[in-house]
Amino acid sequence: MPLNSSQTNSAADAMSAAAESFKKDRQRTKELIQTLKTDAQTRKINPIKAGKKIGELAEQVTAHRKTFKKLKKAERKLRM
């Protein structure tokens, strides 16, 4: 059963909101990575442990970016 225009717009709006949430999470994760790098350089935390955590967070940033792109693409298709 095809969706009517209000359902389509509602779904597109939900995707847009989810995409923005991923974008904010990505930005917070980037800030955390920068803080970890700074703390490791000043020896406030163990550089080896910080490096492992930074690697994990970098993977998370990549996943957020990919999800954001997929959501935006789906939103554009719905709005057409």
N, C-alpha and C. Protein backbone atom coordinates (compact mmCIF):
# COMPACT_ATOMS: atom_id res chain seq x y z
N MET A 1 0.85 -1.18 0.00
CA MET A 1 0.00 0.00 0.00
C MET A 1 0.89 1.24 0.00
N PRO A 2 0.74 2.11 -0.96
CA PRO A 2 1.58 3.31 -1.04
C PRO A 2 1.24 4.31 0.08
N LEU A 3 2.25 5.08 0.44
CA LEU A 3 2.06 6.10 1.47
C LEU A 3 1.49 7.37 0.86
N ASN A 4 0.66 8.06 1.64
CA ASN A 4 0.20 9.36 1.16
C ASN A 4 1.25 10.42 1.48
N SER A 5 1.05 11.62 1.01
CA SER A 5 2.09 12.65 1.14
C SER A 5 2.37 13.03 2.59
N SER A 6 1.36 13.04 3.45
CA SER A 6 1.62 13.40 4.85
C SER A 6 2.43 12.32 5.55
N GLN A 7 2.17 11.06 5.21
CA GLN A 7 2.97 9.97 5.79
C GLN A 7 4.40 10.03 5.30
N THR A 8 4.55 10.32 4.02
CA THR A 8 5.89 10.43 3.44
C THR A 8 6.66 11.57 4.09
N ASN A 9 6.02 12.72 4.24
CA ASN A 9 6.68 13.87 4.87
C ASN A 9 7.02 13.58 6.32
N SER A 10 6.14 12.90 7.01
CA SER A 10 6.39 12.54 8.40
C SER A 10 7.59 11.61 8.51
N ALA A 11 7.67 10.63 7.63
CA ALA A 11 8.80 9.71 7.63
C ALA A 11 10.10 10.44 7.29
N ALA A 12 10.03 11.34 6.33
CA ALA A 12 11.21 12.11 5.94
C ALA A 12 11.68 13.01 7.08
N ASP A 13 10.74 13.60 7.80
CA ASP A 13 11.09 14.44 8.95
C ASP A 13 11.75 13.61 10.04
N ALA A 14 11.24 12.41 10.27
CA ALA A 14 11.83 11.53 11.27
C ALA A 14 13.26 11.15 10.88
N MET A 15 13.47 10.87 9.60
CA MET A 15 14.82 10.54 9.12
C MET A 15 15.75 11.73 9.28
N SER A 16 15.25 12.90 9.01
CA SER A 16 16.05 14.10 9.14
C SER A 16 16.47 14.31 10.60
N ALA A 17 15.54 14.11 11.52
CA ALA A 17 15.85 14.26 12.94
C ALA A 17 16.87 13.22 13.39
N ALA A 18 16.71 12.00 12.91
CA ALA A 18 17.67 10.95 13.27
C ALA A 18 19.05 11.27 12.70
N ALA A 19 19.09 11.79 11.49
CA ALA A 19 20.36 12.14 10.86
C ALA A 19 21.06 13.24 11.67
N GLU A 20 20.31 14.22 12.12
CA GLU A 20 20.89 15.30 12.92
C GLU A 20 21.43 14.77 14.25
N SER A 21 20.73 13.80 14.83
CA SER A 21 21.19 13.19 16.06
C SER A 21 22.54 12.49 15.85
N PHE A 22 22.66 11.76 14.74
CA PHE A 22 23.93 11.10 14.43
C PHE A 22 25.02 12.13 14.20
N LYS A 23 24.67 13.24 13.58
CA LYS A 23 25.65 14.30 13.32
C LYS A 23 26.17 14.88 14.64
N LYS A 24 25.28 15.10 15.60
CA LYS A 24 25.69 15.63 16.90
C LYS A 24 26.55 14.63 17.65
N ASP A 25 26.16 13.34 17.60
CA ASP A 25 26.96 12.30 18.25
C ASP A 25 28.36 12.25 17.66
N ARG A 26 28.43 12.38 16.36
CA ARG A 26 29.72 12.35 15.67
C ARG A 26 30.60 13.51 16.14
N GLN A 27 30.00 14.69 16.26
CA GLN A 27 30.75 15.86 16.70
C GLN A 27 31.25 15.69 18.14
N ARG A 28 30.39 15.16 19.02
CA ARG A 28 30.81 14.93 20.41
C ARG A 28 31.94 13.90 20.47
N THR A 29 31.86 12.87 19.64
CA THR A 29 32.90 11.85 19.62
C THR A 29 34.22 12.44 19.13
N LYS A 30 34.16 13.30 18.13
CA LYS A 30 35.38 13.95 17.65
C LYS A 30 36.01 14.80 18.75
N GLU A 31 35.19 15.50 19.50
CA GLU A 31 35.69 16.33 20.60
C GLU A 31 36.34 15.45 21.67
N LEU A 32 35.75 14.30 21.95
CA LEU A 32 36.32 13.38 22.93
C LEU A 32 37.67 12.85 22.45
N ILE A 33 37.77 12.54 21.18
CA ILE A 33 39.04 12.07 20.61
C ILE A 33 40.11 13.14 20.79
N GLN A 34 39.76 14.39 20.52
CA GLN A 34 40.73 15.49 20.67
C GLN A 34 41.16 15.63 22.12
N THR A 35 40.22 15.50 23.05
CA THR A 35 40.56 15.58 24.48
C THR A 35 41.49 14.45 24.87
N LEU A 36 41.20 13.24 24.39
CA LEU A 36 42.07 12.10 24.70
C LEU A 36 43.48 12.32 24.16
N LYS A 37 43.58 12.85 22.95
CA LYS A 37 44.90 13.11 22.36
C LYS A 37 45.68 14.11 23.21
N THR A 38 45.01 15.16 23.61
CA THR A 38 45.66 16.20 24.42
C THR A 38 46.12 15.64 25.76
N ASP A 39 45.23 14.88 26.42
CA ASP A 39 45.58 14.30 27.72
C ASP A 39 46.73 13.31 27.60
N ALA A 40 46.75 12.55 26.52
CA ALA A 40 47.84 11.58 26.32
C ALA A 40 49.17 12.30 26.09
N GLN A 41 49.11 13.42 25.37
CA GLN A 41 50.34 14.17 25.10
C GLN A 41 50.90 14.81 26.37
N THR A 42 50.01 15.22 27.26
CA THR A 42 50.46 15.85 28.51
C THR A 42 50.66 14.82 29.61
N ARG A 43 50.53 13.54 29.25
CA ARG A 43 50.74 12.41 30.17
C ARG A 43 49.76 12.37 31.34
N LYS A 44 48.58 12.96 31.16
CA LYS A 44 47.55 12.86 32.20
C LYS A 44 46.97 11.45 32.21
N ILE A 45 46.99 10.80 31.04
CA ILE A 45 46.52 9.42 30.95
C ILE A 45 47.55 8.61 30.17
N ASN A 46 47.47 7.31 30.29
CA ASN A 46 48.40 6.41 29.62
C ASN A 46 48.22 6.52 28.10
N PRO A 47 49.27 6.88 27.36
CA PRO A 47 49.15 7.05 25.91
C PRO A 47 48.73 5.77 25.17
N ILE A 48 49.14 4.62 25.65
CA ILE A 48 48.77 3.36 24.98
C ILE A 48 47.28 3.10 25.12
N LYS A 49 46.77 3.27 26.33
CA LYS A 49 45.33 3.08 26.54
C LYS A 49 44.53 4.13 25.77
N ALA A 50 45.03 5.34 25.74
CA ALA A 50 44.35 6.41 25.00
C ALA A 50 44.32 6.08 23.52
N GLY A 51 45.41 5.53 23.00
CA GLY A 51 45.46 5.16 21.59
C GLY A 51 44.44 4.11 21.23
N LYS A 52 44.27 3.13 22.11
CA LYS A 52 43.27 2.09 21.86
C LYS A 52 41.86 2.68 21.86
N LYS A 53 41.59 3.54 22.82
CA LYS A 53 40.27 4.17 22.92
C LYS A 53 40.02 5.08 21.72
N ILE A 54 41.03 5.80 21.29
CA ILE A 54 40.89 6.68 20.12
C ILE A 54 40.56 5.86 18.89
N GLY A 55 41.18 4.70 18.73
CA GLY A 55 40.89 3.82 17.61
C GLY A 55 39.44 3.37 17.60
N GLU A 56 38.93 3.00 18.79
CA GLU A 56 37.53 2.59 18.90
C GLU A 56 36.59 3.74 18.55
N LEU A 57 36.91 4.92 19.06
CA LEU A 57 36.06 6.09 18.80
C LEU A 57 36.11 6.50 17.33
N ALA A 58 37.25 6.34 16.70
CA ALA A 58 37.37 6.68 15.28
C ALA A 58 36.46 5.77 14.45
N GLU A 59 36.39 4.49 14.82
CA GLU A 59 35.49 3.57 14.12
C GLU A 59 34.04 4.02 14.31
N GLN A 60 33.73 4.48 15.50
CA GLN A 60 32.37 4.95 15.79
C GLN A 60 32.04 6.19 14.96
N VAL A 61 32.99 7.09 14.81
CA VAL A 61 32.78 8.29 13.99
C VAL A 61 32.48 7.90 12.55
N THR A 62 33.23 6.93 12.04
CA THR A 62 33.01 6.46 10.67
C THR A 62 31.62 5.86 10.52
N ALA A 63 31.22 5.06 11.50
CA ALA A 63 29.89 4.44 11.45
C ALA A 63 28.80 5.50 11.49
N HIS A 64 28.97 6.53 12.31
CA HIS A 64 27.99 7.60 12.39
C HIS A 64 27.88 8.34 11.06
N ARG A 65 29.04 8.57 10.41
CA ARG A 65 29.04 9.27 9.15
C ARG A 65 28.29 8.46 8.08
N LYS A 66 28.55 7.17 8.04
CA LYS A 66 27.89 6.32 7.05
C LYS A 66 26.39 6.27 7.29
N THR A 67 25.98 6.16 8.54
CA THR A 67 24.56 6.12 8.87
C THR A 67 23.91 7.45 8.52
N PHE A 68 24.59 8.55 8.82
CA PHE A 68 24.08 9.88 8.49
C PHE A 68 23.83 10.00 6.99
N LYS A 69 24.80 9.56 6.20
CA LYS A 69 24.66 9.65 4.74
C LYS A 69 23.49 8.80 4.24
N LYS A 70 23.34 7.60 4.81
CA LYS A 70 22.24 6.73 4.39
C LYS A 70 20.88 7.35 4.73
N LEU A 71 20.78 7.92 5.91
CA LEU A 71 19.53 8.55 6.32
C LEU A 71 19.19 9.75 5.44
N LYS A 72 20.18 10.56 5.13
CA LYS A 72 19.94 11.73 4.28
C LYS A 72 19.53 11.31 2.87
N LYS A 73 20.15 10.25 2.36
CA LYS A 73 19.81 9.76 1.03
C LYS A 73 18.37 9.25 1.00
N ALA A 74 17.98 8.49 2.03
CA ALA A 74 16.61 7.98 2.11
C ALA A 74 15.60 9.12 2.24
N GLU A 75 15.98 10.14 3.01
CA GLU A 75 15.11 11.30 3.17
C GLU A 75 14.89 12.01 1.83
N ARG A 76 15.96 12.18 1.07
CA ARG A 76 15.83 12.83 -0.24
C ARG A 76 14.92 12.03 -1.17
N LYS A 77 15.05 10.71 -1.14
CA LYS A 77 14.21 9.86 -1.98
C LYS A 77 12.73 10.00 -1.59
N LEU A 78 12.47 10.08 -0.30
CA LEU A 78 11.09 10.21 0.16
C LEU A 78 10.49 11.56 -0.23
N ARG A 79 11.30 12.59 -0.19
CA ARG A 79 10.78 13.93 -0.47
C ARG A 79 10.56 14.18 -1.96
N MET A 80 11.10 13.33 -2.82
CA MET A 80 10.92 13.51 -4.27
C MET A 80 9.48 13.34 -4.66
